[in-house]
Amino acid sequence: MKIRFFTIPNLLTLANLLCGTGAAAAVLAYGDLRLAFWLLVAAALFDFFDGFVARLLGQSAPIGIQLDSLADMVSSGVTPAFIMLTLARQSHPTLLPIGNPDIWAWIVLALTACSALRLAKFNIDDTQHAEFCGLPTPAAGLFCASLGLLHADGVFSPGYEAILLVSLVTAGLLISPVRMFSLKFHGFGWSGNQLRYIFLTLSLLLIILLGAYAIAPIVVLYVVISFVRWLLLRRQPAANGR
């Protein structure tokens, strides 16, 4: 089987990987959480467009699927954990006498482990074409990166315990059974796309009001809407069976 490495979609995926690697270097080598944030935003954009371009050009291939997961593992699984680890190590316990903070800070690596599980499941789960099972890794990665930006700009600095708790909750959401809606549109009509249009409108308003700081609220909004939708869908079979 002939494998083409350097197709346009694969180059976009590699750009995702390189941005994620650069963000990791920015955090580990320079402690630059602001640069890491923007690199992960670029990685997320490349991650969105590689699949779109592959379908547009008819260049979808098995290697692209595997390469996409490997790139996401770095940009959305490993690097966000480094960001949260840096935030934890720059904070100090204030509520709980939990001993050596450097040891407990490594709890944030649950993000990396759960990202790997999330991506592996996505690759073999045929039910995730129209929606997702669990929080998508790019959303989790951007959420962590946005916390780094808020801290770097002095807008909001979550406490030590909050960082650990947020990391564990985010990791849990990655492998949760909650069905989360996809932003893949079915045409451009209102029917069937209502939730997507509402979410994008609210997201645009948040971006207008908050700029780059809107990423964290947007991810929270996405999780809340998805969770409510999931609960309502779970109640439908019971209601129809009465």
C-alpha atoms as a PDB file:
ATOM      1  CA  MET A   1       0.000   0.000   0.000  1.00  0.00           C
ATOM      2  CA  LYS A   2       1.405   3.371  -1.054  1.00  0.00           C
ATOM      3  CA  ILE A   3       1.282   5.956   1.705  1.00  0.00           C
ATOM      4  CA  ARG A   4       1.448   9.659   0.932  1.00  0.00           C
ATOM      5  CA  PHE A   5       2.994  11.547   3.831  1.00  0.00           C
ATOM      6  CA  PHE A   6       2.974  15.137   2.663  1.00  0.00           C
ATOM      7  CA  THR A   7      -0.568  15.826   1.550  1.00  0.00           C
ATOM      8  CA  ILE A   8      -2.127  19.187   2.391  1.00  0.00           C
ATOM      9  CA  PRO A   9      -4.330  17.711   5.205  1.00  0.00           C
ATOM     10  CA  ASN A  10      -1.317  15.914   6.692  1.00  0.00           C
ATOM     11  CA  LEU A  11       0.744  19.112   6.583  1.00  0.00           C
ATOM     12  CA  LEU A  12      -2.026  20.883   8.494  1.00  0.00           C
ATOM     13  CA  THR A  13      -2.022  18.066  11.052  1.00  0.00           C
ATOM     14  CA  LEU A  14       1.751  18.336  11.382  1.00  0.00           C
ATOM     15  CA  ALA A  15       1.314  22.085  11.928  1.00  0.00           C
ATOM     16  CA  ASN A  16      -1.031  21.179  14.797  1.00  0.00           C
ATOM     17  CA  LEU A  17       1.670  18.896  16.213  1.00  0.00           C
ATOM     18  CA  LEU A  18       4.424  21.489  15.874  1.00  0.00           C
ATOM     19  CA  CYS A  19       2.311  24.202  17.498  1.00  0.00           C
ATOM     20  CA  GLY A  20       1.566  21.871  20.403  1.00  0.00           C
ATOM     21  CA  THR A  21       5.257  21.006  20.745  1.00  0.00           C
ATOM     22  CA  GLY A  22       6.197  24.674  20.599  1.00  0.00           C
ATOM     23  CA  ALA A  23       3.649  25.438  23.315  1.00  0.00           C
ATOM     24  CA  ALA A  24       5.184  22.735  25.514  1.00  0.00           C
ATOM     25  CA  ALA A  25       8.624  24.255  24.959  1.00  0.00           C
ATOM     26  CA  ALA A  26       7.286  27.725  25.764  1.00  0.00           C
ATOM     27  CA  VAL A  27       5.989  26.473  29.115  1.00  0.00           C
ATOM     28  CA  LEU A  28       8.869  24.211  30.112  1.00  0.00           C
ATOM     29  CA  ALA A  29      11.814  26.242  28.839  1.00  0.00           C
ATOM     30  CA  TYR A  30      10.569  29.805  29.302  1.00  0.00           C
ATOM     31  CA  GLY A  31       7.520  29.612  31.564  1.00  0.00           C
ATOM     32  CA  ASP A  32       5.645  31.632  28.921  1.00  0.00           C
ATOM     33  CA  LEU A  33       1.990  30.739  29.454  1.00  0.00           C
ATOM     34  CA  ARG A  34       0.806  33.520  27.138  1.00  0.00           C
ATOM     35  CA  LEU A  35       2.770  32.204  24.139  1.00  0.00           C
ATOM     36  CA  ALA A  36       1.653  28.664  24.972  1.00  0.00           C
ATOM     37  CA  PHE A  37      -1.971  29.792  24.839  1.00  0.00           C
ATOM     38  CA  TRP A  38      -1.696  31.320  21.378  1.00  0.00           C
ATOM     39  CA  LEU A  39       0.214  28.335  20.035  1.00  0.00           C
ATOM     40  CA  LEU A  40      -2.511  26.003  21.290  1.00  0.00           C
ATOM     41  CA  VAL A  41      -5.162  28.226  19.690  1.00  0.00           C
ATOM     42  CA  ALA A  42      -3.250  27.868  16.407  1.00  0.00           C
ATOM     43  CA  ALA A  43      -3.003  24.104  16.981  1.00  0.00           C
ATOM     44  CA  ALA A  44      -6.770  23.895  17.475  1.00  0.00           C
ATOM     45  CA  LEU A  45      -7.378  25.807  14.232  1.00  0.00           C
ATOM     46  CA  PHE A  46      -5.073  23.484  12.304  1.00  0.00           C
ATOM     47  CA  ASP A  47      -6.844  20.521  13.926  1.00  0.00           C
ATOM     48  CA  PHE A  48     -10.210  21.838  12.741  1.00  0.00           C
ATOM     49  CA  PHE A  49      -9.133  22.559   9.178  1.00  0.00           C
ATOM     50  CA  ASP A  50      -7.155  19.371   8.476  1.00  0.00           C
ATOM     51  CA  GLY A  51     -10.287  17.218   8.439  1.00  0.00           C
ATOM     52  CA  PHE A  52     -12.258  19.867   6.550  1.00  0.00           C
ATOM     53  CA  VAL A  53      -9.568  20.139   3.862  1.00  0.00           C
ATOM     54  CA  ALA A  54      -9.226  16.348   3.650  1.00  0.00           C
ATOM     55  CA  ARG A  55     -12.924  16.007   2.866  1.00  0.00           C
ATOM     56  CA  LEU A  56     -12.847  18.972   0.482  1.00  0.00           C
ATOM     57  CA  LEU A  57      -9.914  17.569  -1.515  1.00  0.00           C
ATOM     58  CA  GLY A  58     -10.952  13.926  -1.232  1.00  0.00           C
ATOM     59  CA  GLN A  59      -7.687  13.095   0.543  1.00  0.00           C
ATOM     60  CA  SER A  60      -9.026  11.305   3.618  1.00  0.00           C
ATOM     61  CA  ALA A  61      -6.749   8.370   4.439  1.00  0.00           C
ATOM     62  CA  PRO A  62      -6.100   6.015   7.395  1.00  0.00           C
ATOM     63  CA  ILE A  63      -2.701   7.592   8.019  1.00  0.00           C
ATOM     64  CA  GLY A  64      -4.379  10.965   8.417  1.00  0.00           C
ATOM     65  CA  ILE A  65      -6.666   9.594  11.131  1.00  0.00           C
ATOM     66  CA  GLN A  66      -3.738   8.135  13.070  1.00  0.00           C
ATOM     67  CA  LEU A  67      -1.594  11.228  12.580  1.00  0.00           C
ATOM     68  CA  ASP A  68      -4.430  13.438  13.810  1.00  0.00           C
ATOM     69  CA  SER A  69      -4.685  11.505  17.082  1.00  0.00           C
ATOM     70  CA  LEU A  70      -0.930  11.588  17.607  1.00  0.00           C
ATOM     71  CA  ALA A  71      -0.876  15.356  17.053  1.00  0.00           C
ATOM     72  CA  ASP A  72      -3.844  15.860  19.394  1.00  0.00           C
ATOM     73  CA  MET A  73      -2.109  13.776  22.039  1.00  0.00           C
ATOM     74  CA  VAL A  74       0.669  16.368  22.161  1.00  0.00           C
ATOM     75  CA  SER A  75      -1.274  19.606  21.655  1.00  0.00           C
ATOM     76  CA  SER A  76      -4.380  18.628  23.643  1.00  0.00           C
ATOM     77  CA  GLY A  77      -3.092  15.967  26.038  1.00  0.00           C
ATOM     78  CA  VAL A  78       0.527  16.527  27.043  1.00  0.00           C
ATOM     79  CA  THR A  79       1.005  20.287  26.741  1.00  0.00           C
ATOM     80  CA  PRO A  80      -2.164  21.256  28.683  1.00  0.00           C
ATOM     81  CA  ALA A  81      -0.979  19.039  31.545  1.00  0.00           C
ATOM     82  CA  PHE A  82       2.338  20.944  31.551  1.00  0.00           C
ATOM     83  CA  ILE A  83       0.381  24.195  31.751  1.00  0.00           C
ATOM     84  CA  MET A  84      -1.668  23.001  34.716  1.00  0.00           C
ATOM     85  CA  LEU A  85       1.458  21.628  36.385  1.00  0.00           C
ATOM     86  CA  THR A  86       3.138  25.021  35.988  1.00  0.00           C
ATOM     87  CA  LEU A  87       0.081  26.763  37.446  1.00  0.00           C
ATOM     88  CA  ALA A  88       0.033  24.371  40.395  1.00  0.00           C
ATOM     89  CA  ARG A  89       3.728  24.804  41.117  1.00  0.00           C
ATOM     90  CA  GLN A  90       3.352  28.592  41.019  1.00  0.00           C
ATOM     91  CA  SER A  91       0.578  28.408  43.608  1.00  0.00           C
ATOM     92  CA  HIS A  92       0.524  27.256  47.200  1.00  0.00           C
ATOM     93  CA  PRO A  93      -1.988  25.206  49.187  1.00  0.00           C
ATOM     94  CA  THR A  94      -4.325  27.455  51.141  1.00  0.00           C
ATOM     95  CA  LEU A  95      -7.169  25.204  52.254  1.00  0.00           C
ATOM     96  CA  LEU A  96      -5.830  21.725  52.876  1.00  0.00           C
ATOM     97  CA  PRO A  97      -2.718  20.527  54.708  1.00  0.00           C
ATOM     98  CA  ILE A  98      -1.768  18.178  51.881  1.00  0.00           C
ATOM     99  CA  GLY A  99       1.946  17.886  52.515  1.00  0.00           C
ATOM    100  CA  ASN A 100       4.531  18.455  49.798  1.00  0.00           C
ATOM    101  CA  PRO A 101       2.776  20.510  47.094  1.00  0.00           C
ATOM    102  CA  ASP A 102       5.259  19.447  44.408  1.00  0.00           C
ATOM    103  CA  ILE A 103       4.228  15.817  44.845  1.00  0.00           C
ATOM    104  CA  TRP A 104       0.491  16.478  44.773  1.00  0.00           C
ATOM    105  CA  ALA A 105       0.834  18.750  41.744  1.00  0.00           C
ATOM    106  CA  TRP A 106       1.537  15.709  39.574  1.00  0.00           C
ATOM    107  CA  ILE A 107      -2.159  14.816  39.894  1.00  0.00           C
ATOM    108  CA  VAL A 108      -2.678  17.032  36.844  1.00  0.00           C
ATOM    109  CA  LEU A 109      -1.091  14.315  34.689  1.00  0.00           C
ATOM    110  CA  ALA A 110      -4.476  12.607  34.836  1.00  0.00           C
ATOM    111  CA  LEU A 111      -5.247  14.954  31.938  1.00  0.00           C
ATOM    112  CA  THR A 112      -2.643  13.225  29.780  1.00  0.00           C
ATOM    113  CA  ALA A 113      -3.803   9.722  30.674  1.00  0.00           C
ATOM    114  CA  CYS A 114      -7.474  10.482  30.061  1.00  0.00           C
ATOM    115  CA  SER A 115      -6.679  12.291  26.814  1.00  0.00           C
ATOM    116  CA  ALA A 116      -4.958   9.139  25.552  1.00  0.00           C
ATOM    117  CA  LEU A 117      -7.981   7.037  26.513  1.00  0.00           C
ATOM    118  CA  ARG A 118     -10.336   9.555  24.903  1.00  0.00           C
ATOM    119  CA  LEU A 119      -8.434   9.588  21.611  1.00  0.00           C
ATOM    120  CA  ALA A 120      -8.068   5.803  21.506  1.00  0.00           C
ATOM    121  CA  LYS A 121     -11.808   5.378  22.064  1.00  0.00           C
ATOM    122  CA  PHE A 122     -12.632   7.948  19.390  1.00  0.00           C
ATOM    123  CA  ASN A 123     -10.607   6.043  16.807  1.00  0.00           C
ATOM    124  CA  ILE A 124     -12.618   2.841  17.249  1.00  0.00           C
ATOM    125  CA  ASP A 125     -16.047   4.238  18.183  1.00  0.00           C
ATOM    126  CA  ASP A 126     -18.383   4.457  15.192  1.00  0.00           C
ATOM    127  CA  THR A 127     -21.003   6.396  17.162  1.00  0.00           C
ATOM    128  CA  GLN A 128     -18.984   9.642  17.285  1.00  0.00           C
ATOM    129  CA  HIS A 129     -19.494  10.903  13.752  1.00  0.00           C
ATOM    130  CA  ALA A 130     -22.390  13.269  14.532  1.00  0.00           C
ATOM    131  CA  GLU A 131     -21.633  13.834  18.228  1.00  0.00           C
ATOM    132  CA  PHE A 132     -18.936  13.089  20.774  1.00  0.00           C
ATOM    133  CA  CYS A 133     -18.782  10.797  23.772  1.00  0.00           C
ATOM    134  CA  GLY A 134     -16.990  12.807  26.410  1.00  0.00           C
ATOM    135  CA  LEU A 135     -15.312  16.198  26.164  1.00  0.00           C
ATOM    136  CA  PRO A 136     -13.248  16.562  22.948  1.00  0.00           C
ATOM    137  CA  THR A 137      -9.540  16.816  23.710  1.00  0.00           C
ATOM    138  CA  PRO A 138      -9.053  20.160  21.863  1.00  0.00           C
ATOM    139  CA  ALA A 139     -11.740  21.744  24.061  1.00  0.00           C
ATOM    140  CA  ALA A 140     -10.052  20.421  27.205  1.00  0.00           C
ATOM    141  CA  GLY A 141      -6.663  21.636  25.971  1.00  0.00           C
ATOM    142  CA  LEU A 142      -7.920  25.125  25.162  1.00  0.00           C
ATOM    143  CA  PHE A 143      -9.628  25.355  28.544  1.00  0.00           C
ATOM    144  CA  CYS A 144      -6.356  24.599  30.355  1.00  0.00           C
ATOM    145  CA  ALA A 145      -4.447  26.975  28.088  1.00  0.00           C
ATOM    146  CA  SER A 146      -6.952  29.751  28.795  1.00  0.00           C
ATOM    147  CA  LEU A 147      -6.410  29.336  32.530  1.00  0.00           C
ATOM    148  CA  GLY A 148      -2.712  29.810  31.842  1.00  0.00           C
ATOM    149  CA  LEU A 149      -3.424  33.017  29.914  1.00  0.00           C
ATOM    150  CA  LEU A 150      -5.675  34.375  32.668  1.00  0.00           C
ATOM    151  CA  HIS A 151      -2.921  33.680  35.203  1.00  0.00           C
ATOM    152  CA  ALA A 152      -0.182  35.188  33.027  1.00  0.00           C
ATOM    153  CA  ASP A 153      -2.163  38.399  32.491  1.00  0.00           C
ATOM    154  CA  GLY A 154      -3.082  38.673  36.165  1.00  0.00           C
ATOM    155  CA  VAL A 155      -6.802  38.505  35.401  1.00  0.00           C
ATOM    156  CA  PHE A 156      -7.555  35.396  37.441  1.00  0.00           C
ATOM    157  CA  SER A 157      -5.302  32.966  39.268  1.00  0.00           C
ATOM    158  CA  PRO A 158      -6.996  29.780  40.491  1.00  0.00           C
ATOM    159  CA  GLY A 159      -5.712  28.487  43.799  1.00  0.00           C
ATOM    160  CA  TYR A 160      -3.632  25.353  44.191  1.00  0.00           C
ATOM    161  CA  GLU A 161      -6.517  23.137  45.247  1.00  0.00           C
ATOM    162  CA  ALA A 162      -8.737  24.563  42.507  1.00  0.00           C
ATOM    163  CA  ILE A 163      -6.126  23.701  39.877  1.00  0.00           C
ATOM    164  CA  LEU A 164      -5.974  20.087  41.040  1.00  0.00           C
ATOM    165  CA  LEU A 165      -9.761  19.838  41.204  1.00  0.00           C
ATOM    166  CA  VAL A 166     -10.268  21.406  37.765  1.00  0.00           C
ATOM    167  CA  SER A 167      -7.664  19.047  36.303  1.00  0.00           C
ATOM    168  CA  LEU A 168      -9.419  15.998  37.744  1.00  0.00           C
ATOM    169  CA  VAL A 169     -12.879  17.182  36.646  1.00  0.00           C
ATOM    170  CA  THR A 170     -11.615  17.927  33.137  1.00  0.00           C
ATOM    171  CA  ALA A 171      -9.912  14.536  32.973  1.00  0.00           C
ATOM    172  CA  GLY A 172     -13.145  12.892  34.093  1.00  0.00           C
ATOM    173  CA  LEU A 173     -15.140  14.732  31.434  1.00  0.00           C
ATOM    174  CA  LEU A 174     -12.768  13.446  28.743  1.00  0.00           C
ATOM    175  CA  ILE A 175     -13.735   9.835  29.450  1.00  0.00           C
ATOM    176  CA  SER A 176     -17.291  10.447  30.639  1.00  0.00           C
ATOM    177  CA  PRO A 177     -20.330   8.899  28.893  1.00  0.00           C
ATOM    178  CA  VAL A 178     -21.868  12.352  28.345  1.00  0.00           C
ATOM    179  CA  ARG A 179     -22.800  12.819  24.690  1.00  0.00           C
ATOM    180  CA  MET A 180     -21.592  16.226  23.527  1.00  0.00           C
ATOM    181  CA  PHE A 181     -22.804  17.887  20.354  1.00  0.00           C
ATOM    182  CA  SER A 182     -20.535  18.385  17.369  1.00  0.00           C
ATOM    183  CA  LEU A 183     -20.115  21.642  15.466  1.00  0.00           C
ATOM    184  CA  LYS A 184     -20.347  19.832  12.128  1.00  0.00           C
ATOM    185  CA  PHE A 185     -23.291  21.463  10.358  1.00  0.00           C
ATOM    186  CA  HIS A 186     -25.885  19.525   8.382  1.00  0.00           C
ATOM    187  CA  GLY A 187     -26.259  22.110   5.634  1.00  0.00           C
ATOM    188  CA  PHE A 188     -26.750  25.716   6.643  1.00  0.00           C
ATOM    189  CA  GLY A 189     -30.464  25.691   7.440  1.00  0.00           C
ATOM    190  CA  TRP A 190     -31.906  26.264  10.893  1.00  0.00           C
ATOM    191  CA  SER A 191     -33.521  22.832  11.132  1.00  0.00           C
ATOM    192  CA  GLY A 192     -31.166  20.345  12.718  1.00  0.00           C
ATOM    193  CA  ASN A 193     -28.617  23.055  13.489  1.00  0.00           C
ATOM    194  CA  GLN A 194     -30.508  25.065  16.106  1.00  0.00           C
ATOM    195  CA  LEU A 195     -28.225  24.149  18.984  1.00  0.00           C
ATOM    196  CA  ARG A 196     -25.096  24.888  16.959  1.00  0.00           C
ATOM    197  CA  TYR A 197     -26.340  28.313  15.905  1.00  0.00           C
ATOM    198  CA  ILE A 198     -27.347  29.197  19.465  1.00  0.00           C
ATOM    199  CA  PHE A 199     -23.995  28.061  20.853  1.00  0.00           C
ATOM    200  CA  LEU A 200     -21.993  29.911  18.189  1.00  0.00           C
ATOM    201  CA  THR A 201     -24.031  33.083  18.730  1.00  0.00           C
ATOM    202  CA  LEU A 202     -23.440  32.991  22.483  1.00  0.00           C
ATOM    203  CA  SER A 203     -19.766  32.228  21.897  1.00  0.00           C
ATOM    204  CA  LEU A 204     -19.437  35.200  19.543  1.00  0.00           C
ATOM    205  CA  LEU A 205     -21.007  37.473  22.156  1.00  0.00           C
ATOM    206  CA  LEU A 206     -18.536  36.220  24.760  1.00  0.00           C
ATOM    207  CA  ILE A 207     -15.617  36.842  22.399  1.00  0.00           C
ATOM    208  CA  ILE A 208     -16.852  40.380  21.696  1.00  0.00           C
ATOM    209  CA  LEU A 209     -17.147  41.057  25.429  1.00  0.00           C
ATOM    210  CA  LEU A 210     -14.068  39.233  26.712  1.00  0.00           C
ATOM    211  CA  GLY A 211     -11.723  38.757  23.764  1.00  0.00           C
ATOM    212  CA  ALA A 212      -9.193  35.959  24.259  1.00  0.00           C
ATOM    213  CA  TYR A 213     -10.396  35.532  27.835  1.00  0.00           C
ATOM    214  CA  ALA A 214     -13.675  34.125  26.492  1.00  0.00           C
ATOM    215  CA  ILE A 215     -12.213  30.673  25.764  1.00  0.00           C
ATOM    216  CA  ALA A 216     -12.697  29.284  29.276  1.00  0.00           C
ATOM    217  CA  PRO A 217     -16.339  30.493  29.578  1.00  0.00           C
ATOM    218  CA  ILE A 218     -17.066  29.144  26.075  1.00  0.00           C
ATOM    219  CA  VAL A 219     -15.794  25.676  27.001  1.00  0.00           C
ATOM    220  CA  VAL A 220     -17.831  25.751  30.227  1.00  0.00           C
ATOM    221  CA  LEU A 221     -20.896  26.822  28.208  1.00  0.00           C
ATOM    222  CA  TYR A 222     -20.307  23.949  25.782  1.00  0.00           C
ATOM    223  CA  VAL A 223     -20.106  21.414  28.618  1.00  0.00           C
ATOM    224  CA  VAL A 224     -23.236  22.766  30.351  1.00  0.00           C
ATOM    225  CA  ILE A 225     -25.321  22.793  27.161  1.00  0.00           C
ATOM    226  CA  SER A 226     -24.125  19.314  26.215  1.00  0.00           C
ATOM    227  CA  PHE A 227     -24.850  17.954  29.679  1.00  0.00           C
ATOM    228  CA  VAL A 228     -28.390  19.377  29.735  1.00  0.00           C
ATOM    229  CA  ARG A 229     -29.001  18.053  26.204  1.00  0.00           C
ATOM    230  CA  TRP A 230     -27.690  14.619  27.223  1.00  0.00           C
ATOM    231  CA  LEU A 231     -29.973  14.481  30.266  1.00  0.00           C
ATOM    232  CA  LEU A 232     -33.005  15.481  28.182  1.00  0.00           C
ATOM    233  CA  LEU A 233     -32.228  12.854  25.544  1.00  0.00           C
ATOM    234  CA  ARG A 234     -31.857  10.185  28.232  1.00  0.00           C
ATOM    235  CA  ARG A 235     -35.319  11.040  29.575  1.00  0.00           C
ATOM    236  CA  GLN A 236     -37.014  10.739  26.189  1.00  0.00           C
ATOM    237  CA  PRO A 237     -37.138   6.911  25.968  1.00  0.00           C
ATOM    238  CA  ALA A 238     -38.599   6.709  29.467  1.00  0.00           C
ATOM    239  CA  ALA A 239     -41.182   9.350  28.624  1.00  0.00           C
ATOM    240  CA  ASN A 240     -42.127   7.624  25.360  1.00  0.00           C
ATOM    241  CA  GLY A 241     -42.540   4.308  27.145  1.00  0.00           C
ATOM    242  CA  ARG A 242     -45.260   5.571  29.484  1.00  0.00           C
END
